């Protein structure tokens, strides 16, 4: 019968789940951020990952990538700065690309946006102490596997302080961000980078459509 599995089939012939595909997508996204694969390769592999039927088809997409994505990336021989201060009124302040992570940061946001992108950051110390005062603005931290954010000592008024951890297998912690301070009516958010837009729409299309409730 068409579609039957051989009794002698290996693990690679097992059918892949959505969670299996999502884990591979995260590995590929991090590898592209680290410069290990090009944007074109990322696009090709994402399409293959999202249409893979078996674990074997997924495995070949990451055989040339590190087992712990991002664990060996982001280190620099230079010493970390002791302190970086960012004071943002109503504008936008960003730290992205290969920026050096200091030992301590003090961030003040009034109505603007501060974005700290750690996906390509140069990490010389295992811990960053981040003191934040967010009034009605936004402080966004973009993380990747191996970046851990602690918001336990952040107080909030009517605002939000939230951590969204990367999907997939856990990676060794290379940087722990200990965040303290206060949020008024604004937002502090730590989350992994989003996959490319096309991959996101492919992910949406594979989800089963929601059905309206039948009248009682």
C-alpha atoms as a PDB file:
ATOM      1  CA  UNK A   1       0.000   0.000   0.000  1.00  0.00           C
ATOM      2  CA  UNK A   2       1.315   3.427  -0.882  1.00  0.00           C
ATOM      3  CA  UNK A   3       2.790   5.306   2.071  1.00  0.00           C
ATOM      4  CA  UNK A   4       3.605   2.221   4.187  1.00  0.00           C
ATOM      5  CA  UNK A   5       6.807   2.304   6.238  1.00  0.00           C
ATOM      6  CA  UNK A   6       9.243  -0.547   6.060  1.00  0.00           C
ATOM      7  CA  UNK A   7       9.510  -2.429   9.393  1.00  0.00           C
ATOM      8  CA  UNK A   8      13.303  -2.121   9.103  1.00  0.00           C
ATOM      9  CA  UNK A   9      13.163   1.641   8.575  1.00  0.00           C
ATOM     10  CA  UNK A  10      15.468   3.762  10.723  1.00  0.00           C
ATOM     11  CA  UNK A  11      14.662   6.824  12.824  1.00  0.00           C
ATOM     12  CA  UNK A  12      15.273   9.018   9.806  1.00  0.00           C
ATOM     13  CA  UNK A  13      12.114   7.601   8.200  1.00  0.00           C
ATOM     14  CA  UNK A  14       9.880   8.652  11.089  1.00  0.00           C
ATOM     15  CA  UNK A  15       7.389  11.353  10.234  1.00  0.00           C
ATOM     16  CA  UNK A  16       8.354  14.868  11.365  1.00  0.00           C
ATOM     17  CA  UNK A  17       6.062  16.931  13.584  1.00  0.00           C
ATOM     18  CA  UNK A  18       5.474  20.694  13.520  1.00  0.00           C
ATOM     19  CA  UNK A  19       7.699  20.959  16.614  1.00  0.00           C
ATOM     20  CA  UNK A  20      10.510  19.112  14.783  1.00  0.00           C
ATOM     21  CA  UNK A  21      10.268  21.526  11.850  1.00  0.00           C
ATOM     22  CA  UNK A  22      10.180  24.557  14.158  1.00  0.00           C
ATOM     23  CA  UNK A  23      13.375  23.413  15.913  1.00  0.00           C
ATOM     24  CA  UNK A  24      15.211  23.132  12.595  1.00  0.00           C
ATOM     25  CA  UNK A  25      13.900  26.544  11.480  1.00  0.00           C
ATOM     26  CA  UNK A  26      15.375  28.073  14.655  1.00  0.00           C
ATOM     27  CA  UNK A  27      18.776  26.415  14.054  1.00  0.00           C
ATOM     28  CA  UNK A  28      18.811  27.733  10.475  1.00  0.00           C
ATOM     29  CA  UNK A  29      17.790  31.242  11.515  1.00  0.00           C
ATOM     30  CA  UNK A  30      20.561  31.419  14.111  1.00  0.00           C
ATOM     31  CA  UNK A  31      23.109  30.030  11.632  1.00  0.00           C
ATOM     32  CA  UNK A  32      22.198  32.771   9.153  1.00  0.00           C
ATOM     33  CA  UNK A  33      22.521  35.416  11.875  1.00  0.00           C
ATOM     34  CA  UNK A  34      25.959  34.027  12.726  1.00  0.00           C
ATOM     35  CA  UNK A  35      27.040  34.275   9.067  1.00  0.00           C
ATOM     36  CA  UNK A  36      27.357  30.501   8.610  1.00  0.00           C
ATOM     37  CA  UNK A  37      24.901  30.366   5.714  1.00  0.00           C
ATOM     38  CA  UNK A  38      23.876  33.021   3.211  1.00  0.00           C
ATOM     39  CA  UNK A  39      20.440  34.595   2.918  1.00  0.00           C
ATOM     40  CA  UNK A  40      19.815  32.562  -0.242  1.00  0.00           C
ATOM     41  CA  UNK A  41      20.801  29.322   1.511  1.00  0.00           C
ATOM     42  CA  UNK A  42      18.574  30.257   4.456  1.00  0.00           C
ATOM     43  CA  UNK A  43      15.609  30.761   2.135  1.00  0.00           C
ATOM     44  CA  UNK A  44      16.194  27.417   0.396  1.00  0.00           C
ATOM     45  CA  UNK A  45      16.663  25.476   3.624  1.00  0.00           C
ATOM     46  CA  UNK A  46      13.662  27.093   5.316  1.00  0.00           C
ATOM     47  CA  UNK A  47      11.449  26.053   2.429  1.00  0.00           C
ATOM     48  CA  UNK A  48      12.828  22.507   2.623  1.00  0.00           C
ATOM     49  CA  UNK A  49      12.350  22.416   6.419  1.00  0.00           C
ATOM     50  CA  UNK A  50       8.760  23.598   6.277  1.00  0.00           C
ATOM     51  CA  UNK A  51       7.852  20.977   3.648  1.00  0.00           C
ATOM     52  CA  UNK A  52       9.899  18.084   5.110  1.00  0.00           C
ATOM     53  CA  UNK A  53       7.930  14.906   5.774  1.00  0.00           C
ATOM     54  CA  UNK A  54      10.500  12.866   7.721  1.00  0.00           C
ATOM     55  CA  UNK A  55      13.177  13.397  10.374  1.00  0.00           C
ATOM     56  CA  UNK A  56      15.781  12.297   7.846  1.00  0.00           C
ATOM     57  CA  UNK A  57      14.806  15.119   5.463  1.00  0.00           C
ATOM     58  CA  UNK A  58      15.189  17.583   8.342  1.00  0.00           C
ATOM     59  CA  UNK A  59      18.524  16.158   9.518  1.00  0.00           C
ATOM     60  CA  UNK A  60      20.345  16.825   6.232  1.00  0.00           C
ATOM     61  CA  UNK A  61      19.521  20.538   6.521  1.00  0.00           C
ATOM     62  CA  UNK A  62      21.690  21.008   9.635  1.00  0.00           C
ATOM     63  CA  UNK A  63      24.477  18.416   9.268  1.00  0.00           C
ATOM     64  CA  UNK A  64      27.044  21.135   8.437  1.00  0.00           C
ATOM     65  CA  UNK A  65      25.966  23.394  11.343  1.00  0.00           C
ATOM     66  CA  UNK A  66      27.013  23.338  15.036  1.00  0.00           C
ATOM     67  CA  UNK A  67      24.980  21.135  17.334  1.00  0.00           C
ATOM     68  CA  UNK A  68      24.534  24.021  19.788  1.00  0.00           C
ATOM     69  CA  UNK A  69      23.622  26.990  17.574  1.00  0.00           C
ATOM     70  CA  UNK A  70      25.294  30.235  18.533  1.00  0.00           C
ATOM     71  CA  UNK A  71      27.296  28.736  21.431  1.00  0.00           C
ATOM     72  CA  UNK A  72      30.653  29.539  19.856  1.00  0.00           C
ATOM     73  CA  UNK A  73      29.632  32.868  18.390  1.00  0.00           C
ATOM     74  CA  UNK A  74      29.673  36.311  19.907  1.00  0.00           C
ATOM     75  CA  UNK A  75      33.013  36.115  21.782  1.00  0.00           C
ATOM     76  CA  UNK A  76      35.652  38.768  21.462  1.00  0.00           C
ATOM     77  CA  UNK A  77      39.194  38.950  22.810  1.00  0.00           C
ATOM     78  CA  UNK A  78      38.808  42.608  23.790  1.00  0.00           C
ATOM     79  CA  UNK A  79      37.719  43.522  27.321  1.00  0.00           C
ATOM     80  CA  UNK A  80      34.110  44.543  27.890  1.00  0.00           C
ATOM     81  CA  UNK A  81      33.289  48.156  28.718  1.00  0.00           C
ATOM     82  CA  UNK A  82      32.262  48.830  32.291  1.00  0.00           C
ATOM     83  CA  UNK A  83      29.193  50.944  31.485  1.00  0.00           C
ATOM     84  CA  UNK A  84      27.009  52.096  28.586  1.00  0.00           C
ATOM     85  CA  UNK A  85      24.212  54.632  29.127  1.00  0.00           C
ATOM     86  CA  UNK A  86      21.281  55.167  26.750  1.00  0.00           C
ATOM     87  CA  UNK A  87      18.809  58.007  27.308  1.00  0.00           C
ATOM     88  CA  UNK A  88      15.959  57.935  24.770  1.00  0.00           C
ATOM     89  CA  UNK A  89      13.230  60.587  24.749  1.00  0.00           C
ATOM     90  CA  UNK A  90      10.718  60.211  21.904  1.00  0.00           C
ATOM     91  CA  UNK A  91      13.063  58.768  19.287  1.00  0.00           C
ATOM     92  CA  UNK A  92      14.602  55.357  18.554  1.00  0.00           C
ATOM     93  CA  UNK A  93      17.938  54.050  19.835  1.00  0.00           C
ATOM     94  CA  UNK A  94      19.419  50.780  18.575  1.00  0.00           C
ATOM     95  CA  UNK A  95      22.332  48.496  19.284  1.00  0.00           C
ATOM     96  CA  UNK A  96      22.621  45.780  16.626  1.00  0.00           C
ATOM     97  CA  UNK A  97      25.166  43.964  14.511  1.00  0.00           C
ATOM     98  CA  UNK A  98      28.499  43.078  16.193  1.00  0.00           C
ATOM     99  CA  UNK A  99      28.228  45.552  19.068  1.00  0.00           C
ATOM    100  CA  UNK A 100      30.312  44.962  22.235  1.00  0.00           C
ATOM    101  CA  UNK A 101      28.202  44.051  25.266  1.00  0.00           C
ATOM    102  CA  UNK A 102      29.408  45.873  28.416  1.00  0.00           C
ATOM    103  CA  UNK A 103      29.306  44.670  32.008  1.00  0.00           C
ATOM    104  CA  UNK A 104      26.561  47.168  32.877  1.00  0.00           C
ATOM    105  CA  UNK A 105      23.980  49.236  30.998  1.00  0.00           C
ATOM    106  CA  UNK A 106      21.682  51.998  32.187  1.00  0.00           C
ATOM    107  CA  UNK A 107      18.728  52.611  29.876  1.00  0.00           C
ATOM    108  CA  UNK A 108      16.115  55.343  30.268  1.00  0.00           C
ATOM    109  CA  UNK A 109      13.134  55.480  27.880  1.00  0.00           C
ATOM    110  CA  UNK A 110      10.454  58.183  27.980  1.00  0.00           C
ATOM    111  CA  UNK A 111       8.101  57.671  24.995  1.00  0.00           C
ATOM    112  CA  UNK A 112      10.585  56.301  22.487  1.00  0.00           C
ATOM    113  CA  UNK A 113      11.974  52.862  21.629  1.00  0.00           C
ATOM    114  CA  UNK A 114      15.290  51.252  22.590  1.00  0.00           C
ATOM    115  CA  UNK A 115      16.174  48.034  20.775  1.00  0.00           C
ATOM    116  CA  UNK A 116      19.080  45.847  21.940  1.00  0.00           C
ATOM    117  CA  UNK A 117      19.738  43.086  19.409  1.00  0.00           C
ATOM    118  CA  UNK A 118      21.981  40.334  20.803  1.00  0.00           C
ATOM    119  CA  UNK A 119      21.901  38.015  17.770  1.00  0.00           C
ATOM    120  CA  UNK A 120      25.357  39.161  16.566  1.00  0.00           C
ATOM    121  CA  UNK A 121      26.596  40.900  19.719  1.00  0.00           C
ATOM    122  CA  UNK A 122      30.218  40.537  20.862  1.00  0.00           C
ATOM    123  CA  UNK A 123      30.141  38.926  24.294  1.00  0.00           C
ATOM    124  CA  UNK A 124      33.215  39.025  26.531  1.00  0.00           C
ATOM    125  CA  UNK A 125      31.592  38.620  29.967  1.00  0.00           C
ATOM    126  CA  UNK A 126      29.036  35.998  31.076  1.00  0.00           C
ATOM    127  CA  UNK A 127      26.688  38.502  32.739  1.00  0.00           C
ATOM    128  CA  UNK A 128      25.213  41.902  31.872  1.00  0.00           C
ATOM    129  CA  UNK A 129      23.549  44.039  34.547  1.00  0.00           C
ATOM    130  CA  UNK A 130      20.903  46.164  32.849  1.00  0.00           C
ATOM    131  CA  UNK A 131      19.149  48.900  34.848  1.00  0.00           C
ATOM    132  CA  UNK A 132      16.073  50.217  33.030  1.00  0.00           C
ATOM    133  CA  UNK A 133      13.572  53.008  33.577  1.00  0.00           C
ATOM    134  CA  UNK A 134      10.788  52.770  30.996  1.00  0.00           C
ATOM    135  CA  UNK A 135       7.978  55.307  31.303  1.00  0.00           C
ATOM    136  CA  UNK A 136       5.553  54.950  28.360  1.00  0.00           C
ATOM    137  CA  UNK A 137       8.068  53.742  25.783  1.00  0.00           C
ATOM    138  CA  UNK A 138       9.476  50.346  24.793  1.00  0.00           C
ATOM    139  CA  UNK A 139      12.676  48.487  25.648  1.00  0.00           C
ATOM    140  CA  UNK A 140      13.048  45.468  23.336  1.00  0.00           C
ATOM    141  CA  UNK A 141      15.748  42.805  23.725  1.00  0.00           C
ATOM    142  CA  UNK A 142      16.256  40.475  20.742  1.00  0.00           C
ATOM    143  CA  UNK A 143      17.761  37.211  21.951  1.00  0.00           C
ATOM    144  CA  UNK A 144      18.984  33.915  20.519  1.00  0.00           C
ATOM    145  CA  UNK A 145      19.759  30.483  21.991  1.00  0.00           C
ATOM    146  CA  UNK A 146      22.351  30.920  24.740  1.00  0.00           C
ATOM    147  CA  UNK A 147      21.050  34.361  25.822  1.00  0.00           C
ATOM    148  CA  UNK A 148      19.103  34.215  29.095  1.00  0.00           C
ATOM    149  CA  UNK A 149      17.115  37.211  30.411  1.00  0.00           C
ATOM    150  CA  UNK A 150      16.074  37.590  34.071  1.00  0.00           C
ATOM    151  CA  UNK A 151      13.232  40.076  34.733  1.00  0.00           C
ATOM    152  CA  UNK A 152      12.441  38.948  38.278  1.00  0.00           C
ATOM    153  CA  UNK A 153      13.508  42.257  39.858  1.00  0.00           C
ATOM    154  CA  UNK A 154      11.620  44.572  37.471  1.00  0.00           C
ATOM    155  CA  UNK A 155       8.641  46.397  38.994  1.00  0.00           C
ATOM    156  CA  UNK A 156       5.705  47.396  36.798  1.00  0.00           C
ATOM    157  CA  UNK A 157       2.941  49.978  37.001  1.00  0.00           C
ATOM    158  CA  UNK A 158       0.302  49.550  34.304  1.00  0.00           C
ATOM    159  CA  UNK A 159       2.904  48.362  31.785  1.00  0.00           C
ATOM    160  CA  UNK A 160       4.304  44.965  30.768  1.00  0.00           C
ATOM    161  CA  UNK A 161       7.578  43.119  31.401  1.00  0.00           C
ATOM    162  CA  UNK A 162       7.780  39.815  29.516  1.00  0.00           C
ATOM    163  CA  UNK A 163      10.327  37.208  28.404  1.00  0.00           C
ATOM    164  CA  UNK A 164       9.724  34.881  25.446  1.00  0.00           C
ATOM    165  CA  UNK A 165      12.324  32.136  25.302  1.00  0.00           C
ATOM    166  CA  UNK A 166      13.697  30.742  22.014  1.00  0.00           C
ATOM    167  CA  UNK A 167      12.032  27.571  20.742  1.00  0.00           C
ATOM    168  CA  UNK A 168      13.912  24.333  20.244  1.00  0.00           C
ATOM    169  CA  UNK A 169      16.563  22.539  22.282  1.00  0.00           C
ATOM    170  CA  UNK A 170      18.293  24.438  25.070  1.00  0.00           C
ATOM    171  CA  UNK A 171      21.735  25.861  24.294  1.00  0.00           C
ATOM    172  CA  UNK A 172      24.590  26.511  26.757  1.00  0.00           C
ATOM    173  CA  UNK A 173      24.157  29.925  28.392  1.00  0.00           C
ATOM    174  CA  UNK A 174      26.811  32.340  27.109  1.00  0.00           C
ATOM    175  CA  UNK A 175      25.199  35.528  28.439  1.00  0.00           C
ATOM    176  CA  UNK A 176      22.830  36.155  31.337  1.00  0.00           C
ATOM    177  CA  UNK A 177      21.098  39.535  31.265  1.00  0.00           C
ATOM    178  CA  UNK A 178      19.993  40.538  34.769  1.00  0.00           C
ATOM    179  CA  UNK A 179      17.463  43.316  34.332  1.00  0.00           C
ATOM    180  CA  UNK A 180      16.330  45.553  37.183  1.00  0.00           C
ATOM    181  CA  UNK A 181      14.343  48.778  37.301  1.00  0.00           C
ATOM    182  CA  UNK A 182      10.782  49.904  36.656  1.00  0.00           C
ATOM    183  CA  UNK A 183       8.170  50.048  33.904  1.00  0.00           C
ATOM    184  CA  UNK A 184       5.458  52.698  34.115  1.00  0.00           C
ATOM    185  CA  UNK A 185       2.873  52.316  31.336  1.00  0.00           C
ATOM    186  CA  UNK A 186       5.449  51.094  28.817  1.00  0.00           C
ATOM    187  CA  UNK A 187       6.831  47.708  27.797  1.00  0.00           C
ATOM    188  CA  UNK A 188       9.980  45.683  28.420  1.00  0.00           C
ATOM    189  CA  UNK A 189      10.072  42.673  26.122  1.00  0.00           C
ATOM    190  CA  UNK A 190      12.755  40.028  25.542  1.00  0.00           C
ATOM    191  CA  UNK A 191      12.121  37.671  22.613  1.00  0.00           C
ATOM    192  CA  UNK A 192      13.983  35.760  19.879  1.00  0.00           C
ATOM    193  CA  UNK A 193      14.239  37.204  16.387  1.00  0.00           C
ATOM    194  CA  UNK A 194      11.334  36.349  14.113  1.00  0.00           C
ATOM    195  CA  UNK A 195      11.829  34.087  11.064  1.00  0.00           C
ATOM    196  CA  UNK A 196      11.748  35.649   7.580  1.00  0.00           C
ATOM    197  CA  UNK A 197       8.289  36.805   6.484  1.00  0.00           C
ATOM    198  CA  UNK A 198       7.842  34.150   3.805  1.00  0.00           C
ATOM    199  CA  UNK A 199       8.609  31.360   6.271  1.00  0.00           C
ATOM    200  CA  UNK A 200       6.097  32.874   8.690  1.00  0.00           C
ATOM    201  CA  UNK A 201       3.348  32.830   6.086  1.00  0.00           C
ATOM    202  CA  UNK A 202       4.225  29.239   5.160  1.00  0.00           C
ATOM    203  CA  UNK A 203       3.911  28.358   8.842  1.00  0.00           C
ATOM    204  CA  UNK A 204       0.513  30.033   8.992  1.00  0.00           C
ATOM    205  CA  UNK A 205      -0.703  28.215   5.895  1.00  0.00           C
ATOM    206  CA  UNK A 206       0.122  24.826   7.370  1.00  0.00           C
ATOM    207  CA  UNK A 207      -1.985  25.481  10.495  1.00  0.00           C
ATOM    208  CA  UNK A 208      -5.466  23.949  10.444  1.00  0.00           C
ATOM    209  CA  UNK A 209      -8.165  26.567   9.840  1.00  0.00           C
ATOM    210  CA  UNK A 210     -10.246  27.543  12.839  1.00  0.00           C
ATOM    211  CA  UNK A 211     -13.848  26.462  12.592  1.00  0.00           C
ATOM    212  CA  UNK A 212     -16.704  28.673  13.790  1.00  0.00           C
ATOM    213  CA  UNK A 213     -18.676  27.307  16.695  1.00  0.00           C
ATOM    214  CA  UNK A 214     -21.943  25.639  15.707  1.00  0.00           C
ATOM    215  CA  UNK A 215     -25.090  27.279  17.050  1.00  0.00           C
ATOM    216  CA  UNK A 216     -26.542  25.532  20.084  1.00  0.00           C
END
